[in-house]
PDB file of N, CA and C in Angstrom:
ATOM      1  N   UNK A   1      33.515-214.679 -77.729  1.00  0.00           N
ATOM      2  CA  UNK A   1      32.537-213.690 -78.142  1.00  0.00           C
ATOM      3  C   UNK A   1      32.538-213.662 -79.668  1.00  0.00           C
ATOM      4  N   UNK A   2      31.356-213.678 -80.253  1.00  0.00           N
ATOM      5  CA  UNK A   2      31.299-213.643 -81.708  1.00  0.00           C
ATOM      6  C   UNK A   2      31.800-212.292 -82.214  1.00  0.00           C
ATOM      7  N   UNK A   3      32.337-212.311 -83.409  1.00  0.00           N
ATOM      8  CA  UNK A   3      32.883-211.076 -84.003  1.00  0.00           C
ATOM      9  C   UNK A   3      31.820-210.002 -84.152  1.00  0.00           C
ATOM     10  N   UNK A   4      30.571-210.406 -84.442  1.00  0.00           N
ATOM     11  CA  UNK A   4      29.485-209.440 -84.602  1.00  0.00           C
ATOM     12  C   UNK A   4      29.215-208.701 -83.295  1.00  0.00           C
ATOM     13  N   UNK A   5      29.123-209.447 -82.202  1.00  0.00           N
ATOM     14  CA  UNK A   5      28.876-208.829 -80.897  1.00  0.00           C
ATOM     15  C   UNK A   5      30.087-208.010 -80.471  1.00  0.00           C
ATOM     16  N   UNK A   6      31.280-208.553 -80.687  1.00  0.00           N
ATOM     17  CA  UNK A   6      32.505-207.826 -80.332  1.00  0.00           C
ATOM     18  C   UNK A   6      32.558-206.486 -81.061  1.00  0.00           C
ATOM     19  N   UNK A   7      32.227-206.501 -82.338  1.00  0.00           N
ATOM     20  CA  UNK A   7      32.225-205.276 -83.136  1.00  0.00           C
ATOM     21  C   UNK A   7      31.185-204.277 -82.612  1.00  0.00           C
ATOM     22  N   UNK A   8      29.995-204.766 -82.271  1.00  0.00           N
ATOM     23  CA  UNK A   8      28.948-203.885 -81.734  1.00  0.00           C
ATOM     24  C   UNK A   8      29.382-203.257 -80.412  1.00  0.00           C
ATOM     25  N   UNK A   9      29.976-204.073 -79.548  1.00  0.00           N
ATOM     26  CA  UNK A   9      30.428-203.561 -78.249  1.00  0.00           C
ATOM     27  C   UNK A   9      31.497-202.495 -78.452  1.00  0.00           C
ATOM     28  N   UNK A  10      32.488-202.790 -79.286  1.00  0.00           N
ATOM     29  CA  UNK A  10      33.557-201.817 -79.504  1.00  0.00           C
ATOM     30  C   UNK A  10      33.033-200.541 -80.154  1.00  0.00           C
ATOM     31  N   UNK A  11      32.129-200.659 -81.111  1.00  0.00           N
ATOM     32  CA  UNK A  11      31.561-199.468 -81.748  1.00  0.00           C
ATOM     33  C   UNK A  11      30.776-198.622 -80.745  1.00  0.00           C
ATOM     34  N   UNK A  12      30.112-199.273 -79.800  1.00  0.00           N
ATOM     35  CA  UNK A  12      29.320-198.523 -78.824  1.00  0.00           C
ATOM     36  C   UNK A  12      30.191-197.789 -77.810  1.00  0.00           C
ATOM     37  N   UNK A  13      31.470-198.162 -77.721  1.00  0.00           N
ATOM     38  CA  UNK A  13      32.366-197.543 -76.744  1.00  0.00           C
ATOM     39  C   UNK A  13      33.269-196.464 -77.332  1.00  0.00           C
ATOM     40  N   UNK A  14      33.041-196.110 -78.585  1.00  0.00           N
ATOM     41  CA  UNK A  14      33.831-195.056 -79.235  1.00  0.00           C
ATOM     42  C   UNK A  14      33.010-193.764 -79.162  1.00  0.00           C
ATOM     43  N   UNK A  15      33.329-192.950 -78.181  1.00  0.00           N
ATOM     44  CA  UNK A  15      32.640-191.673 -77.998  1.00  0.00           C
ATOM     45  C   UNK A  15      33.603-190.701 -77.337  1.00  0.00           C
ATOM     46  N   UNK A  16      33.320-189.435 -77.515  1.00  0.00           N
ATOM     47  CA  UNK A  16      34.158-188.407 -76.884  1.00  0.00           C
ATOM     48  C   UNK A  16      33.780-188.237 -75.422  1.00  0.00           C
ATOM     49  N   UNK A  17      32.485-188.093 -75.163  1.00  0.00           N
ATOM     50  CA  UNK A  17      31.979-187.912 -73.806  1.00  0.00           C
ATOM     51  C   UNK A  17      30.606-188.546 -73.737  1.00  0.00           C
ATOM     52  N   UNK A  18      30.296-189.160 -72.598  1.00  0.00           N
ATOM     53  CA  UNK A  18      28.990-189.787 -72.426  1.00  0.00           C
ATOM     54  C   UNK A  18      28.559-189.691 -70.971  1.00  0.00           C
ATOM     55  N   UNK A  19      27.405-189.078 -70.748  1.00  0.00           N
ATOM     56  CA  UNK A  19      26.861-189.015 -69.399  1.00  0.00           C
ATOM     57  C   UNK A  19      26.542-190.416 -68.886  1.00  0.00           C
ATOM     58  N   UNK A  20      26.088-191.296 -69.774  1.00  0.00           N
ATOM     59  CA  UNK A  20      25.788-192.671 -69.372  1.00  0.00           C
ATOM     60  C   UNK A  20      27.054-193.379 -68.900  1.00  0.00           C
ATOM     61  N   UNK A  21      28.145-193.248 -69.658  1.00  0.00           N
ATOM     62  CA  UNK A  21      29.427-193.865 -69.267  1.00  0.00           C
ATOM     63  C   UNK A  21      29.884-193.317 -67.914  1.00  0.00           C
ATOM     64  N   UNK A  22      29.835-192.002 -67.770  1.00  0.00           N
ATOM     65  CA  UNK A  22      30.248-191.380 -66.511  1.00  0.00           C
ATOM     66  C   UNK A  22      29.409-191.888 -65.339  1.00  0.00           C
ATOM     67  N   UNK A  23      28.116-192.064 -65.569  1.00  0.00           N
ATOM     68  CA  UNK A  23      27.225-192.567 -64.520  1.00  0.00           C
ATOM     69  C   UNK A  23      27.561-194.002 -64.150  1.00  0.00           C
ATOM     70  N   UNK A  24      27.824-194.830 -65.141  1.00  0.00           N
ATOM     71  CA  UNK A  24      28.163-196.232 -64.887  1.00  0.00           C
ATOM     72  C   UNK A  24      29.466-196.327 -64.100  1.00  0.00           C
ATOM     73  N   UNK A  25      30.466-195.572 -64.511  1.00  0.00           N
ATOM     74  CA  UNK A  25      31.754-195.593 -63.803  1.00  0.00           C
ATOM     75  C   UNK A  25      31.577-195.090 -62.375  1.00  0.00           C
ATOM     76  N   UNK A  26      30.773-194.061 -62.177  1.00  0.00           N
ATOM     77  CA  UNK A  26      30.519-193.540 -60.834  1.00  0.00           C
ATOM     78  C   UNK A  26      29.846-194.596 -59.956  1.00  0.00           C
ATOM     79  N   UNK A  27      28.828-195.279 -60.496  1.00  0.00           N
ATOM     80  CA  UNK A  27      28.120-196.321 -59.739  1.00  0.00           C
ATOM     81  C   UNK A  27      29.081-197.450 -59.360  1.00  0.00           C
ATOM     82  N   UNK A  28      29.909-197.870 -60.297  1.00  0.00           N
ATOM     83  CA  UNK A  28      30.888-198.924 -60.011  1.00  0.00           C
ATOM     84  C   UNK A  28      31.862-198.468 -58.937  1.00  0.00           C
ATOM     85  N   UNK A  29      32.355-197.233 -59.040  1.00  0.00           N
ATOM     86  CA  UNK A  29      33.277-196.706 -58.025  1.00  0.00           C
ATOM     87  C   UNK A  29      32.624-196.660 -56.642  1.00  0.00           C
ATOM     88  N   UNK A  30      31.378-196.242 -56.572  1.00  0.00           N
ATOM     89  CA  UNK A  30      30.667-196.171 -55.294  1.00  0.00           C
ATOM     90  C   UNK A  30      30.454-197.577 -54.718  1.00  0.00           C
ATOM     91  N   UNK A  31      30.109-198.527 -55.573  1.00  0.00           N
ATOM     92  CA  UNK A  31      29.942-199.909 -55.109  1.00  0.00           C
ATOM     93  C   UNK A  31      31.261-200.452 -54.586  1.00  0.00           C
ATOM     94  N   UNK A  32      32.353-200.153 -55.286  1.00  0.00           N
ATOM     95  CA  UNK A  32      33.685-200.597 -54.866  1.00  0.00           C
ATOM     96  C   UNK A  32      34.024-200.032 -53.486  1.00  0.00           C
ATOM     97  N   UNK A  33      33.794-198.730 -53.312  1.00  0.00           N
ATOM     98  CA  UNK A  33      34.086-198.098 -52.020  1.00  0.00           C
ATOM     99  C   UNK A  33      33.251-198.724 -50.899  1.00  0.00           C
ATOM    100  N   UNK A  34      31.979-198.910 -51.150  1.00  0.00           N
ATOM    101  CA  UNK A  34      31.083-199.465 -50.144  1.00  0.00           C
ATOM    102  C   UNK A  34      31.476-200.894 -49.771  1.00  0.00           C
ATOM    103  N   UNK A  35      31.703-201.725 -50.774  1.00  0.00           N
ATOM    104  CA  UNK A  35      32.075-203.118 -50.516  1.00  0.00           C
ATOM    105  C   UNK A  35      33.443-203.200 -49.830  1.00  0.00           C
ATOM    106  N   UNK A  36      34.349-202.303 -50.199  1.00  0.00           N
ATOM    107  CA  UNK A  36      35.675-202.274 -49.562  1.00  0.00           C
ATOM    108  C   UNK A  36      35.565-201.919 -48.088  1.00  0.00           C
ATOM    109  N   UNK A  37      34.731-200.941 -47.782  1.00  0.00           N
ATOM    110  CA  UNK A  37      34.558-200.541 -46.387  1.00  0.00           C
ATOM    111  C   UNK A  37      33.999-201.690 -45.557  1.00  0.00           C
ATOM    112  N   UNK A  38      33.077-202.438 -46.117  1.00  0.00           N
ATOM    113  CA  UNK A  38      32.532-203.596 -45.410  1.00  0.00           C
ATOM    114  C   UNK A  38      33.627-204.642 -45.211  1.00  0.00           C
ATOM    115  N   UNK A  39      34.451-204.852 -46.244  1.00  0.00           N
ATOM    116  CA  UNK A  39      35.512-205.869 -46.172  1.00  0.00           C
ATOM    117  C   UNK A  39      36.543-205.555 -45.099  1.00  0.00           C
ATOM    118  N   UNK A  40      36.811-204.277 -44.863  1.00  0.00           N
ATOM    119  CA  UNK A  40      37.827-203.936 -43.857  1.00  0.00           C
ATOM    120  C   UNK A  40      37.216-203.622 -42.496  1.00  0.00           C
ATOM    121  N   UNK A  41      35.909-203.753 -42.402  1.00  0.00           N
ATOM    122  CA  UNK A  41      35.212-203.490 -41.151  1.00  0.00           C
ATOM    123  C   UNK A  41      35.667-204.451 -40.057  1.00  0.00           C
ATOM    124  N   UNK A  42      35.720-203.946 -38.855  1.00  0.00           N
ATOM    125  CA  UNK A  42      36.094-204.764 -37.696  1.00  0.00           C
ATOM    126  C   UNK A  42      34.960-205.698 -37.272  1.00  0.00           C
ATOM    127  N   UNK A  43      33.756-205.446 -37.768  1.00  0.00           N
ATOM    128  CA  UNK A  43      32.592-206.170 -37.253  1.00  0.00           C
ATOM    129  C   UNK A  43      32.243-207.447 -38.031  1.00  0.00           C
ATOM    130  N   UNK A  44      33.042-207.846 -39.022  1.00  0.00           N
ATOM    131  CA  UNK A  44      32.721-209.091 -39.720  1.00  0.00           C
ATOM    132  C   UNK A  44      33.783-210.143 -39.439  1.00  0.00           C
ATOM    133  N   UNK A  45      33.354-211.398 -39.432  1.00  0.00           N
ATOM    134  CA  UNK A  45      34.306-212.476 -39.146  1.00  0.00           C
ATOM    135  C   UNK A  45      35.122-212.813 -40.399  1.00  0.00           C
ATOM    136  N   UNK A  46      36.140-213.628 -40.218  1.00  0.00           N
ATOM    137  CA  UNK A  46      37.095-213.918 -41.300  1.00  0.00           C
ATOM    138  C   UNK A  46      36.443-214.571 -42.514  1.00  0.00           C
ATOM    139  N   UNK A  47      35.491-215.484 -42.299  1.00  0.00           N
ATOM    140  CA  UNK A  47      34.833-216.148 -43.435  1.00  0.00           C
ATOM    141  C   UNK A  47      34.047-215.138 -44.259  1.00  0.00           C
ATOM    142  N   UNK A  48      33.325-214.270 -43.588  1.00  0.00           N
ATOM    143  CA  UNK A  48      32.569-213.231 -44.300  1.00  0.00           C
ATOM    144  C   UNK A  48      33.520-212.237 -44.954  1.00  0.00           C
ATOM    145  N   UNK A  49      34.635-211.945 -44.305  1.00  0.00           N
ATOM    146  CA  UNK A  49      35.612-211.011 -44.875  1.00  0.00           C
ATOM    147  C   UNK A  49      36.162-211.552 -46.202  1.00  0.00           C
ATOM    148  N   UNK A  50      36.471-212.839 -46.218  1.00  0.00           N
ATOM    149  CA  UNK A  50      36.973-213.464 -47.441  1.00  0.00           C
ATOM    150  C   UNK A  50      35.954-213.345 -48.570  1.00  0.00           C
ATOM    151  N   UNK A  51      34.703-213.612 -48.256  1.00  0.00           N
ATOM    152  CA  UNK A  51      33.630-213.483 -49.249  1.00  0.00           C
ATOM    153  C   UNK A  51      33.517-212.036 -49.722  1.00  0.00           C
ATOM    154  N   UNK A  52      33.568-211.116 -48.784  1.00  0.00           N
ATOM    155  CA  UNK A  52      33.445-209.700 -49.109  1.00  0.00           C
ATOM    156  C   UNK A  52      34.598-209.236 -50.004  1.00  0.00           C
ATOM    157  N   UNK A  53      35.798-209.723 -49.721  1.00  0.00           N
ATOM    158  CA  UNK A  53      36.952-209.368 -50.560  1.00  0.00           C
ATOM    159  C   UNK A  53      36.762-209.888 -51.979  1.00  0.00           C
ATOM    160  N   UNK A  54      36.134-211.050 -52.101  1.00  0.00           N
ATOM    161  CA  UNK A  54      35.824-211.578 -53.425  1.00  0.00           C
ATOM    162  C   UNK A  54      34.853-210.678 -54.172  1.00  0.00           C
ATOM    163  N   UNK A  55      33.895-210.121 -53.451  1.00  0.00           N
ATOM    164  CA  UNK A  55      32.947-209.189 -54.072  1.00  0.00           C
ATOM    165  C   UNK A  55      33.684-207.939 -54.566  1.00  0.00           C
ATOM    166  N   UNK A  56      34.581-207.415 -53.742  1.00  0.00           N
ATOM    167  CA  UNK A  56      35.360-206.230 -54.110  1.00  0.00           C
ATOM    168  C   UNK A  56      36.194-206.536 -55.354  1.00  0.00           C
ATOM    169  N   UNK A  57      36.832-207.697 -55.375  1.00  0.00           N
ATOM    170  CA  UNK A  57      37.642-208.096 -56.522  1.00  0.00           C
ATOM    171  C   UNK A  57      36.786-208.214 -57.785  1.00  0.00           C
ATOM    172  N   UNK A  58      35.578-208.728 -57.654  1.00  0.00           N
ATOM    173  CA  UNK A  58      34.672-208.842 -58.802  1.00  0.00           C
ATOM    174  C   UNK A  58      34.303-207.482 -59.372  1.00  0.00           C
ATOM    175  N   UNK A  59      34.029-206.528 -58.499  1.00  0.00           N
ATOM    176  CA  UNK A  59      33.699-205.177 -58.950  1.00  0.00           C
ATOM    177  C   UNK A  59      34.901-204.564 -59.665  1.00  0.00           C
ATOM    178  N   UNK A  60      36.088-204.747 -59.103  1.00  0.00           N
ATOM    179  CA  UNK A  60      37.299-204.211 -59.732  1.00  0.00           C
ATOM    180  C   UNK A  60      37.516-204.853 -61.107  1.00  0.00           C
ATOM    181  N   UNK A  61      37.248-206.149 -61.222  1.00  0.00           N
ATOM    182  CA  UNK A  61      37.397-206.845 -62.496  1.00  0.00           C
ATOM    183  C   UNK A  61      36.456-206.271 -63.551  1.00  0.00           C
ATOM    184  N   UNK A  62      35.199-206.054 -63.174  1.00  0.00           N
ATOM    185  CA  UNK A  62      34.220-205.516 -64.123  1.00  0.00           C
ATOM    186  C   UNK A  62      34.640-204.130 -64.605  1.00  0.00           C
ATOM    187  N   UNK A  63      35.074-203.272 -63.688  1.00  0.00           N
ATOM    188  CA  UNK A  63      35.501-201.926 -64.081  1.00  0.00           C
ATOM    189  C   UNK A  63      36.714-201.995 -65.011  1.00  0.00           C
ATOM    190  N   UNK A  64      37.675-202.834 -64.666  1.00  0.00           N
ATOM    191  CA  UNK A  64      38.854-202.983 -65.511  1.00  0.00           C
ATOM    192  C   UNK A  64      38.480-203.502 -66.892  1.00  0.00           C
ATOM    193  N   UNK A  65      37.577-204.471 -66.950  1.00  0.00           N
ATOM    194  CA  UNK A  65      37.138-205.015 -68.238  1.00  0.00           C
ATOM    195  C   UNK A  65      36.463-203.947 -69.089  1.00  0.00           C
ATOM    196  N   UNK A  66      35.595-203.164 -68.486  1.00  0.00           N
ATOM    197  CA  UNK A  66      34.930-202.082 -69.225  1.00  0.00           C
ATOM    198  C   UNK A  66      35.941-201.059 -69.744  1.00  0.00           C
ATOM    199  N   UNK A  67      36.846-200.629 -68.873  1.00  0.00           N
ATOM    200  CA  UNK A  67      37.817-199.609 -69.265  1.00  0.00           C
ATOM    201  C   UNK A  67      38.802-200.137 -70.306  1.00  0.00           C
ATOM    202  N   UNK A  68      39.246-201.370 -70.168  1.00  0.00           N
ATOM    203  CA  UNK A  68      40.193-201.911 -71.153  1.00  0.00           C
ATOM    204  C   UNK A  68      39.509-202.172 -72.492  1.00  0.00           C
ATOM    205  N   UNK A  69      38.250-202.585 -72.461  1.00  0.00           N
ATOM    206  CA  UNK A  69      37.509-202.792 -73.705  1.00  0.00           C
ATOM    207  C   UNK A  69      37.314-201.465 -74.425  1.00  0.00           C
ATOM    208  N   UNK A  70      37.006-200.420 -73.668  1.00  0.00           N
ATOM    209  CA  UNK A  70      36.859-199.090 -74.279  1.00  0.00           C
ATOM    210  C   UNK A  70      38.199-198.613 -74.845  1.00  0.00           C
ATOM    211  N   UNK A  71      39.289-198.829 -74.118  1.00  0.00           N
ATOM    212  CA  UNK A  71      40.607-198.407 -74.595  1.00  0.00           C
ATOM    213  C   UNK A  71      40.951-199.096 -75.914  1.00  0.00           C
ATOM    214  N   UNK A  72      40.649-200.374 -76.018  1.00  0.00           N
ATOM    215  CA  UNK A  72      40.900-201.105 -77.269  1.00  0.00           C
ATOM    216  C   UNK A  72      40.015-200.548 -78.384  1.00  0.00           C
ATOM    217  N   UNK A  73      38.762-200.274 -78.071  1.00  0.00           N
ATOM    218  CA  UNK A  73      37.841-199.720 -79.065  1.00  0.00           C
ATOM    219  C   UNK A  73      38.347-198.382 -79.583  1.00  0.00           C
ATOM    220  N   UNK A  74      38.788-197.515 -78.675  1.00  0.00           N
ATOM    221  CA  UNK A  74      39.309-196.212 -79.091  1.00  0.00           C
ATOM    222  C   UNK A  74      40.576-196.358 -79.910  1.00  0.00           C
ATOM    223  N   UNK A  75      41.438-197.274 -79.497  1.00  0.00           N
ATOM    224  CA  UNK A  75      42.677-197.526 -80.237  1.00  0.00           C
ATOM    225  C   UNK A  75      42.369-198.046 -81.643  1.00  0.00           C
ATOM    226  N   UNK A  76      41.435-198.972 -81.745  1.00  0.00           N
ATOM    227  CA  UNK A  76      41.041-199.512 -83.055  1.00  0.00           C
ATOM    228  C   UNK A  76      40.435-198.449 -83.953  1.00  0.00           C
ATOM    229  N   UNK A  77      39.781-197.460 -83.349  1.00  0.00           N
ATOM    230  CA  UNK A  77      39.176-196.362 -84.115  1.00  0.00           C
ATOM    231  C   UNK A  77      40.177-195.245 -84.387  1.00  0.00           C
ATOM    232  N   UNK A  78      41.422-195.411 -83.902  1.00  0.00           N
ATOM    233  CA  UNK A  78      42.445-194.396 -84.122  1.00  0.00           C
ATOM    234  C   UNK A  78      42.268-193.180 -83.240  1.00  0.00           C
ATOM    235  N   UNK A  79      41.614-193.366 -82.086  1.00  0.00           N
ATOM    236  CA  UNK A  79      41.385-192.252 -81.166  1.00  0.00           C
ATOM    237  C   UNK A  79      42.033-192.562 -79.842  1.00  0.00           C
ATOM    238  N   UNK A  80      42.384-191.534 -79.126  1.00  0.00           N
ATOM    239  CA  UNK A  80      42.956-191.690 -77.789  1.00  0.00           C
ATOM    240  C   UNK A  80      41.875-191.446 -76.759  1.00  0.00           C
ATOM    241  N   UNK A  81      42.022-192.129 -75.616  1.00  0.00           N
ATOM    242  CA  UNK A  81      41.090-191.922 -74.511  1.00  0.00           C
ATOM    243  C   UNK A  81      41.255-190.498 -73.993  1.00  0.00           C
ATOM    244  N   UNK A  82      40.112-189.831 -73.804  1.00  0.00           N
ATOM    245  CA  UNK A  82      40.162-188.443 -73.304  1.00  0.00           C
ATOM    246  C   UNK A  82      40.070-188.394 -71.813  1.00  0.00           C
TER     247      UNK A  82
END
């Protein structure tokens, strides 16, 4: 990632409270729950279950990336996550 884009991303994640951030995290959490329920469902076969678990893992990765990027941004700005 270029330093210019990295700087823009980190600057955009330094905030005290954001309804947009809360909405994004909520949507990701709901998608995770929904995809997880499908993955553990008794009605899908093993091949589909494996694919579904990959989807769940992808959602978890995206959420972790967003949260860790924000944590670094706050740390770089000398602020703690609230």
